[in-house]
PDB file of N, CA and C in Angstrom:
ATOM      1  N   MET A   1    -155.813  93.305 222.967  1.00  0.00           N
ATOM      2  CA  MET A   1    -156.269  94.336 223.879  1.00  0.00           C
ATOM      3  C   MET A   1    -157.649  93.995 224.414  1.00  0.00           C
ATOM      4  N   THR A   2    -157.820  94.293 225.666  1.00  0.00           N
ATOM      5  CA  THR A   2    -159.146  94.079 226.222  1.00  0.00           C
ATOM      6  C   THR A   2    -160.055  95.240 225.830  1.00  0.00           C
ATOM      7  N   LEU A   3    -161.318  95.038 225.968  1.00  0.00           N
ATOM      8  CA  LEU A   3    -162.303  96.050 225.603  1.00  0.00           C
ATOM      9  C   LEU A   3    -162.122  97.318 226.441  1.00  0.00           C
ATOM     10  N   LYS A   4    -161.819  97.151 227.720  1.00  0.00           N
ATOM     11  CA  LYS A   4    -161.629  98.306 228.608  1.00  0.00           C
ATOM     12  C   LYS A   4    -160.420  99.135 228.166  1.00  0.00           C
ATOM     13  N   ILE A   5    -159.332  98.479 227.854  1.00  0.00           N
ATOM     14  CA  ILE A   5    -158.128  99.183 227.402  1.00  0.00           C
ATOM     15  C   ILE A   5    -158.412  99.919 226.099  1.00  0.00           C
ATOM     16  N   MET A   6    -159.119  99.261 225.194  1.00  0.00           N
ATOM     17  CA  MET A   6    -159.452  99.863 223.909  1.00  0.00           C
ATOM     18  C   MET A   6    -160.350 101.085 224.092  1.00  0.00           C
ATOM     19  N   LYS A   7    -161.329 100.985 224.991  1.00  0.00           N
ATOM     20  CA  LYS A   7    -162.227 102.111 225.267  1.00  0.00           C
ATOM     21  C   LYS A   7    -161.452 103.289 225.843  1.00  0.00           C
ATOM     22  N   ASN A   8    -160.541 103.005 226.776  1.00  0.00           N
ATOM     23  CA  ASN A   8    -159.725 104.065 227.373  1.00  0.00           C
ATOM     24  C   ASN A   8    -158.830 104.727 226.333  1.00  0.00           C
ATOM     25  N   PHE A   9    -158.247 103.913 225.464  1.00  0.00           N
ATOM     26  CA  PHE A   9    -157.397 104.450 224.408  1.00  0.00           C
ATOM     27  C   PHE A   9    -158.201 105.360 223.486  1.00  0.00           C
ATOM     28  N   LEU A  10    -159.353 104.884 223.050  1.00  0.00           N
ATOM     29  CA  LEU A  10    -160.188 105.653 222.129  1.00  0.00           C
ATOM     30  C   LEU A  10    -160.665 106.958 222.774  1.00  0.00           C
ATOM     31  N   LYS A  11    -161.063 106.891 224.028  1.00  0.00           N
ATOM     32  CA  LYS A  11    -161.501 108.090 224.739  1.00  0.00           C
ATOM     33  C   LYS A  11    -160.358 109.100 224.834  1.00  0.00           C
ATOM     34  N   GLY A  12    -159.186 108.628 225.196  1.00  0.00           N
ATOM     35  CA  GLY A  12    -158.022 109.511 225.287  1.00  0.00           C
ATOM     36  C   GLY A  12    -157.649 110.118 223.947  1.00  0.00           C
ATOM     37  N   TYR A  13    -157.732 109.325 222.885  1.00  0.00           N
ATOM     38  CA  TYR A  13    -157.414 109.824 221.549  1.00  0.00           C
ATOM     39  C   TYR A  13    -158.414 110.888 221.116  1.00  0.00           C
ATOM     40  N   LEU A  14    -159.701 110.641 221.341  1.00  0.00           N
ATOM     41  CA  LEU A  14    -160.726 111.618 220.951  1.00  0.00           C
ATOM     42  C   LEU A  14    -160.554 112.933 221.698  1.00  0.00           C
ATOM     43  N   VAL A  15    -160.206 112.863 222.968  1.00  0.00           N
ATOM     44  CA  VAL A  15    -159.945 114.083 223.740  1.00  0.00           C
ATOM     45  C   VAL A  15    -158.712 114.801 223.194  1.00  0.00           C
ATOM     46  N   SER A  16    -157.699 114.044 222.804  1.00  0.00           N
ATOM     47  CA  SER A  16    -156.460 114.652 222.313  1.00  0.00           C
ATOM     48  C   SER A  16    -156.637 115.362 220.973  1.00  0.00           C
ATOM     49  N   LEU A  17    -157.706 115.058 220.235  1.00  0.00           N
ATOM     50  CA  LEU A  17    -157.950 115.735 218.963  1.00  0.00           C
ATOM     51  C   LEU A  17    -158.103 117.242 219.139  1.00  0.00           C
ATOM     52  N   PHE A  18    -158.527 117.662 220.330  1.00  0.00           N
ATOM     53  CA  PHE A  18    -158.756 119.076 220.608  1.00  0.00           C
ATOM     54  C   PHE A  18    -157.799 119.627 221.661  1.00  0.00           C
ATOM     55  N   ASN A  19    -156.728 118.889 221.921  1.00  0.00           N
ATOM     56  CA  ASN A  19    -155.743 119.305 222.915  1.00  0.00           C
ATOM     57  C   ASN A  19    -154.941 120.495 222.368  1.00  0.00           C
ATOM     58  N   PRO A  20    -154.961 121.635 223.072  1.00  0.00           N
ATOM     59  CA  PRO A  20    -154.258 122.819 222.567  1.00  0.00           C
ATOM     60  C   PRO A  20    -152.735 122.661 222.510  1.00  0.00           C
ATOM     61  N   GLN A  21    -152.198 121.664 223.196  1.00  0.00           N
ATOM     62  CA  GLN A  21    -150.755 121.421 223.124  1.00  0.00           C
ATOM     63  C   GLN A  21    -150.393 120.601 221.887  1.00  0.00           C
ATOM     64  N   LEU A  22    -151.287 119.754 221.426  1.00  0.00           N
ATOM     65  CA  LEU A  22    -151.004 118.888 220.280  1.00  0.00           C
ATOM     66  C   LEU A  22    -151.457 119.500 218.956  1.00  0.00           C
ATOM     67  N   ALA A  23    -152.512 120.280 218.999  1.00  0.00           N
ATOM     68  CA  ALA A  23    -153.133 120.799 217.774  1.00  0.00           C
ATOM     69  C   ALA A  23    -152.214 121.660 216.899  1.00  0.00           C
ATOM     70  N   PRO A  24    -151.395 122.567 217.452  1.00  0.00           N
ATOM     71  CA  PRO A  24    -150.581 123.406 216.566  1.00  0.00           C
ATOM     72  C   PRO A  24    -149.657 122.607 215.642  1.00  0.00           C
ATOM     73  N   THR A  25    -149.000 121.607 216.176  1.00  0.00           N
ATOM     74  CA  THR A  25    -148.125 120.775 215.355  1.00  0.00           C
ATOM     75  C   THR A  25    -148.936 120.007 214.328  1.00  0.00           C
ATOM     76  N   ALA A  26    -150.051 119.451 214.758  1.00  0.00           N
ATOM     77  CA  ALA A  26    -150.893 118.677 213.841  1.00  0.00           C
ATOM     78  C   ALA A  26    -151.451 119.554 212.727  1.00  0.00           C
ATOM     79  N   LEU A  27    -151.806 120.786 213.046  1.00  0.00           N
ATOM     80  CA  LEU A  27    -152.315 121.696 212.016  1.00  0.00           C
ATOM     81  C   LEU A  27    -151.246 122.033 210.980  1.00  0.00           C
ATOM     82  N   LYS A  28    -150.029 122.264 211.441  1.00  0.00           N
ATOM     83  CA  LYS A  28    -148.925 122.548 210.511  1.00  0.00           C
ATOM     84  C   LYS A  28    -148.670 121.363 209.590  1.00  0.00           C
ATOM     85  N   VAL A  29    -148.646 120.176 210.168  1.00  0.00           N
ATOM     86  CA  VAL A  29    -148.426 118.963 209.370  1.00  0.00           C
ATOM     87  C   VAL A  29    -149.568 118.776 208.376  1.00  0.00           C
ATOM     88  N   ALA A  30    -150.800 118.958 208.833  1.00  0.00           N
ATOM     89  CA  ALA A  30    -151.967 118.791 207.962  1.00  0.00           C
ATOM     90  C   ALA A  30    -151.939 119.782 206.811  1.00  0.00           C
ATOM     91  N   LEU A  31    -151.544 121.018 207.089  1.00  0.00           N
ATOM     92  CA  LEU A  31    -151.478 122.030 206.037  1.00  0.00           C
ATOM     93  C   LEU A  31    -150.415 121.679 205.006  1.00  0.00           C
ATOM     94  N   PHE A  32    -149.242 121.271 205.478  1.00  0.00           N
ATOM     95  CA  PHE A  32    -148.139 120.945 204.572  1.00  0.00           C
ATOM     96  C   PHE A  32    -148.430 119.679 203.767  1.00  0.00           C
ATOM     97  N   ILE A  33    -148.717 118.593 204.458  1.00  0.00           N
ATOM     98  CA  ILE A  33    -148.961 117.310 203.788  1.00  0.00           C
ATOM     99  C   ILE A  33    -150.242 117.367 202.964  1.00  0.00           C
ATOM    100  N   GLY A  34    -151.277 117.985 203.519  1.00  0.00           N
ATOM    101  CA  GLY A  34    -152.543 118.109 202.799  1.00  0.00           C
ATOM    102  C   GLY A  34    -152.389 118.853 201.483  1.00  0.00           C
ATOM    103  N   THR A  35    -151.584 119.916 201.486  1.00  0.00           N
ATOM    104  CA  THR A  35    -151.364 120.687 200.262  1.00  0.00           C
ATOM    105  C   THR A  35    -150.622 119.861 199.219  1.00  0.00           C
ATOM    106  N   ILE A  36    -149.617 119.120 199.647  1.00  0.00           N
ATOM    107  CA  ILE A  36    -148.892 118.246 198.714  1.00  0.00           C
ATOM    108  C   ILE A  36    -149.847 117.215 198.115  1.00  0.00           C
ATOM    109  N   LEU A  37    -150.660 116.587 198.965  1.00  0.00           N
ATOM    110  CA  LEU A  37    -151.616 115.592 198.470  1.00  0.00           C
ATOM    111  C   LEU A  37    -152.677 116.223 197.571  1.00  0.00           C
ATOM    112  N   LEU A  38    -153.088 117.436 197.901  1.00  0.00           N
ATOM    113  CA  LEU A  38    -154.060 118.149 197.064  1.00  0.00           C
ATOM    114  C   LEU A  38    -153.499 118.346 195.660  1.00  0.00           C
ATOM    115  N   ILE A  39    -152.269 118.781 195.578  1.00  0.00           N
ATOM    116  CA  ILE A  39    -151.649 119.005 194.269  1.00  0.00           C
ATOM    117  C   ILE A  39    -151.488 117.693 193.510  1.00  0.00           C
ATOM    118  N   ILE A  40    -151.066 116.655 194.205  1.00  0.00           N
ATOM    119  CA  ILE A  40    -150.884 115.354 193.555  1.00  0.00           C
ATOM    120  C   ILE A  40    -152.224 114.801 193.066  1.00  0.00           C
ATOM    121  N   ASN A  41    -153.232 114.828 193.927  1.00  0.00           N
ATOM    122  CA  ASN A  41    -154.495 114.166 193.616  1.00  0.00           C
ATOM    123  C   ASN A  41    -155.486 115.012 192.823  1.00  0.00           C
ATOM    124  N   HIS A  42    -155.426 116.330 192.994  1.00  0.00           N
ATOM    125  CA  HIS A  42    -156.448 117.178 192.388  1.00  0.00           C
ATOM    126  C   HIS A  42    -155.877 118.372 191.626  1.00  0.00           C
ATOM    127  N   GLY A  43    -154.580 118.459 191.544  1.00  0.00           N
ATOM    128  CA  GLY A  43    -153.959 119.616 190.919  1.00  0.00           C
ATOM    129  C   GLY A  43    -154.450 119.888 189.515  1.00  0.00           C
ATOM    130  N   TYR A  44    -154.523 118.859 188.708  1.00  0.00           N
ATOM    131  CA  TYR A  44    -154.952 119.012 187.316  1.00  0.00           C
ATOM    132  C   TYR A  44    -156.361 119.601 187.253  1.00  0.00           C
ATOM    133  N   ALA A  45    -157.271 119.038 188.020  1.00  0.00           N
ATOM    134  CA  ALA A  45    -158.663 119.527 188.024  1.00  0.00           C
ATOM    135  C   ALA A  45    -158.744 120.928 188.619  1.00  0.00           C
ATOM    136  N   LEU A  46    -157.956 121.207 189.644  1.00  0.00           N
ATOM    137  CA  LEU A  46    -157.979 122.511 190.289  1.00  0.00           C
ATOM    138  C   LEU A  46    -157.523 123.601 189.321  1.00  0.00           C
ATOM    139  N   PHE A  47    -156.411 123.371 188.653  1.00  0.00           N
ATOM    140  CA  PHE A  47    -155.875 124.379 187.744  1.00  0.00           C
ATOM    141  C   PHE A  47    -156.688 124.522 186.460  1.00  0.00           C
ATOM    142  N   ARG A  48    -157.470 123.525 186.133  1.00  0.00           N
ATOM    143  CA  ARG A  48    -158.332 123.599 184.942  1.00  0.00           C
ATOM    144  C   ARG A  48    -159.757 124.016 185.279  1.00  0.00           C
ATOM    145  N   GLY A  49    -160.012 124.291 186.551  1.00  0.00           N
ATOM    146  CA  GLY A  49    -161.344 124.719 186.970  1.00  0.00           C
ATOM    147  C   GLY A  49    -162.387 123.625 186.880  1.00  0.00           C
ATOM    148  N   GLN A  50    -161.980 122.389 187.083  1.00  0.00           N
ATOM    149  CA  GLN A  50    -162.885 121.246 186.961  1.00  0.00           C
ATOM    150  C   GLN A  50    -163.182 120.586 188.311  1.00  0.00           C
ATOM    151  N   MET A  51    -163.124 121.369 189.369  1.00  0.00           N
ATOM    152  CA  MET A  51    -163.394 120.806 190.687  1.00  0.00           C
ATOM    153  C   MET A  51    -164.900 120.641 190.872  1.00  0.00           C
ATOM    154  N   THR A  52    -165.298 119.446 191.251  1.00  0.00           N
ATOM    155  CA  THR A  52    -166.703 119.149 191.523  1.00  0.00           C
ATOM    156  C   THR A  52    -166.910 119.125 193.035  1.00  0.00           C
ATOM    157  N   SER A  53    -168.148 119.043 193.469  1.00  0.00           N
ATOM    158  CA  SER A  53    -168.419 118.976 194.909  1.00  0.00           C
ATOM    159  C   SER A  53    -167.820 117.708 195.514  1.00  0.00           C
ATOM    160  N   ASP A  54    -167.822 116.615 194.756  1.00  0.00           N
ATOM    161  CA  ASP A  54    -167.196 115.376 195.238  1.00  0.00           C
ATOM    162  C   ASP A  54    -165.701 115.563 195.452  1.00  0.00           C
ATOM    163  N   ARG A  55    -165.064 116.263 194.544  1.00  0.00           N
ATOM    164  CA  ARG A  55    -163.626 116.525 194.695  1.00  0.00           C
ATOM    165  C   ARG A  55    -163.350 117.396 195.911  1.00  0.00           C
ATOM    166  N   TRP A  56    -164.207 118.389 196.172  1.00  0.00           N
ATOM    167  CA  TRP A  56    -163.993 119.259 197.329  1.00  0.00           C
ATOM    168  C   TRP A  56    -164.159 118.494 198.635  1.00  0.00           C
ATOM    169  N   ILE A  57    -165.059 117.545 198.656  1.00  0.00           N
ATOM    170  CA  ILE A  57    -165.192 116.685 199.843  1.00  0.00           C
ATOM    171  C   ILE A  57    -163.906 115.875 200.036  1.00  0.00           C
ATOM    172  N   SER A  58    -163.374 115.377 198.948  1.00  0.00           N
ATOM    173  CA  SER A  58    -162.119 114.631 198.995  1.00  0.00           C
ATOM    174  C   SER A  58    -160.971 115.520 199.472  1.00  0.00           C
ATOM    175  N   VAL A  59    -160.972 116.775 199.049  1.00  0.00           N
ATOM    176  CA  VAL A  59    -159.943 117.719 199.491  1.00  0.00           C
ATOM    177  C   VAL A  59    -160.029 117.915 201.002  1.00  0.00           C
ATOM    178  N   LEU A  60    -161.237 118.045 201.516  1.00  0.00           N
ATOM    179  CA  LEU A  60    -161.417 118.187 202.960  1.00  0.00           C
ATOM    180  C   LEU A  60    -160.811 116.991 203.698  1.00  0.00           C
ATOM    181  N   LEU A  61    -161.078 115.810 203.214  1.00  0.00           N
ATOM    182  CA  LEU A  61    -160.507 114.604 203.824  1.00  0.00           C
ATOM    183  C   LEU A  61    -158.992 114.554 203.659  1.00  0.00           C
ATOM    184  N   THR A  62    -158.500 115.116 202.564  1.00  0.00           N
ATOM    185  CA  THR A  62    -157.066 115.165 202.307  1.00  0.00           C
ATOM    186  C   THR A  62    -156.344 115.963 203.387  1.00  0.00           C
ATOM    187  N   TYR A  63    -156.999 116.974 203.926  1.00  0.00           N
ATOM    188  CA  TYR A  63    -156.411 117.753 205.015  1.00  0.00           C
ATOM    189  C   TYR A  63    -156.702 117.146 206.390  1.00  0.00           C
ATOM    190  N   CYS A  64    -157.829 116.483 206.534  1.00  0.00           N
ATOM    191  CA  CYS A  64    -158.185 115.888 207.832  1.00  0.00           C
ATOM    192  C   CYS A  64    -157.300 114.696 208.194  1.00  0.00           C
ATOM    193  N   MET A  65    -157.002 113.874 207.227  1.00  0.00           N
ATOM    194  CA  MET A  65    -156.271 112.639 207.519  1.00  0.00           C
ATOM    195  C   MET A  65    -154.881 112.893 208.120  1.00  0.00           C
ATOM    196  N   PRO A  66    -154.057 113.784 207.557  1.00  0.00           N
ATOM    197  CA  PRO A  66    -152.758 114.028 208.197  1.00  0.00           C
ATOM    198  C   PRO A  66    -152.901 114.585 209.622  1.00  0.00           C
ATOM    199  N   TYR A  67    -153.939 115.374 209.858  1.00  0.00           N
ATOM    200  CA  TYR A  67    -154.186 115.891 211.209  1.00  0.00           C
ATOM    201  C   TYR A  67    -154.452 114.739 212.173  1.00  0.00           C
ATOM    202  N   LEU A  68    -155.353 113.846 211.770  1.00  0.00           N
ATOM    203  CA  LEU A  68    -155.712 112.711 212.627  1.00  0.00           C
ATOM    204  C   LEU A  68    -154.514 111.803 212.890  1.00  0.00           C
ATOM    205  N   VAL A  69    -153.719 111.571 211.867  1.00  0.00           N
ATOM    206  CA  VAL A  69    -152.546 110.698 212.015  1.00  0.00           C
ATOM    207  C   VAL A  69    -151.502 111.352 212.915  1.00  0.00           C
ATOM    208  N   ASN A  70    -151.294 112.652 212.747  1.00  0.00           N
ATOM    209  CA  ASN A  70    -150.308 113.334 213.582  1.00  0.00           C
ATOM    210  C   ASN A  70    -150.742 113.352 215.037  1.00  0.00           C
ATOM    211  N   ILE A  71    -152.005 113.641 215.291  1.00  0.00           N
ATOM    212  CA  ILE A  71    -152.509 113.618 216.670  1.00  0.00           C
ATOM    213  C   ILE A  71    -152.323 112.220 217.262  1.00  0.00           C
ATOM    214  N   HIS A  72    -152.611 111.196 216.468  1.00  0.00           N
ATOM    215  CA  HIS A  72    -152.427 109.813 216.943  1.00  0.00           C
ATOM    216  C   HIS A  72    -150.975 109.581 217.338  1.00  0.00           C
ATOM    217  N   GLY A  73    -150.049 109.991 216.503  1.00  0.00           N
ATOM    218  CA  GLY A  73    -148.629 109.816 216.813  1.00  0.00           C
ATOM    219  C   GLY A  73    -148.214 110.548 218.072  1.00  0.00           C
ATOM    220  N   GLN A  74    -148.673 111.774 218.222  1.00  0.00           N
ATOM    221  CA  GLN A  74    -148.346 112.538 219.427  1.00  0.00           C
ATOM    222  C   GLN A  74    -148.970 111.906 220.668  1.00  0.00           C
ATOM    223  N   TYR A  75    -150.199 111.446 220.522  1.00  0.00           N
ATOM    224  CA  TYR A  75    -150.895 110.815 221.643  1.00  0.00           C
ATOM    225  C   TYR A  75    -150.170 109.546 222.091  1.00  0.00           C
ATOM    226  N   ILE A  76    -149.796 108.717 221.142  1.00  0.00           N
ATOM    227  CA  ILE A  76    -149.068 107.479 221.458  1.00  0.00           C
ATOM    228  C   ILE A  76    -147.730 107.804 222.117  1.00  0.00           C
ATOM    229  N   SER A  77    -147.022 108.774 221.557  1.00  0.00           N
ATOM    230  CA  SER A  77    -145.728 109.166 222.107  1.00  0.00           C
ATOM    231  C   SER A  77    -145.873 109.658 223.534  1.00  0.00           C
ATOM    232  N   ASN A  78    -146.839 110.512 223.781  1.00  0.00           N
ATOM    233  CA  ASN A  78    -147.055 111.014 225.140  1.00  0.00           C
ATOM    234  C   ASN A  78    -147.489 109.907 226.094  1.00  0.00           C
ATOM    235  N   SER A  79    -148.294 108.963 225.602  1.00  0.00           N
ATOM    236  CA  SER A  79    -148.747 107.848 226.439  1.00  0.00           C
ATOM    237  C   SER A  79    -147.577 106.965 226.857  1.00  0.00           C
ATOM    238  N   ARG A  80    -146.632 106.769 225.958  1.00  0.00           N
ATOM    239  CA  ARG A  80    -145.477 105.902 226.267  1.00  0.00           C
ATOM    240  C   ARG A  80    -144.515 106.570 227.233  1.00  0.00           C
ATOM    241  N   LYS A  81    -144.476 107.897 227.212  1.00  0.00           N
ATOM    242  CA  LYS A  81    -143.598 108.627 228.131  1.00  0.00           C
ATOM    243  C   LYS A  81    -144.082 108.559 229.568  1.00  0.00           C
ATOM    244  N   LYS A  82    -145.397 108.377 229.742  1.00  0.00           N
ATOM    245  CA  LYS A  82    -145.986 108.376 231.096  1.00  0.00           C
ATOM    246  C   LYS A  82    -145.790 107.092 231.803  1.00  0.00           C
TER     247      LYS A  82
END
């Protein structure tokens, strides 16, 4: 990829992060997948009351990552349709 194409892609992706047409699906996916990952990765500490601030930061990322990936997938799909 050329630098110009990469810049255009990145700009379009960043704008799509806040696209009201893409966000509802991404939020649902993030909530579902994030919760599963939370239970897998932090369930023991959560239920035992051993959550630290570092773990809570990790939990935040656990929900952010599926959102970012879903938006990326929707963005790519919409780009290919055009």
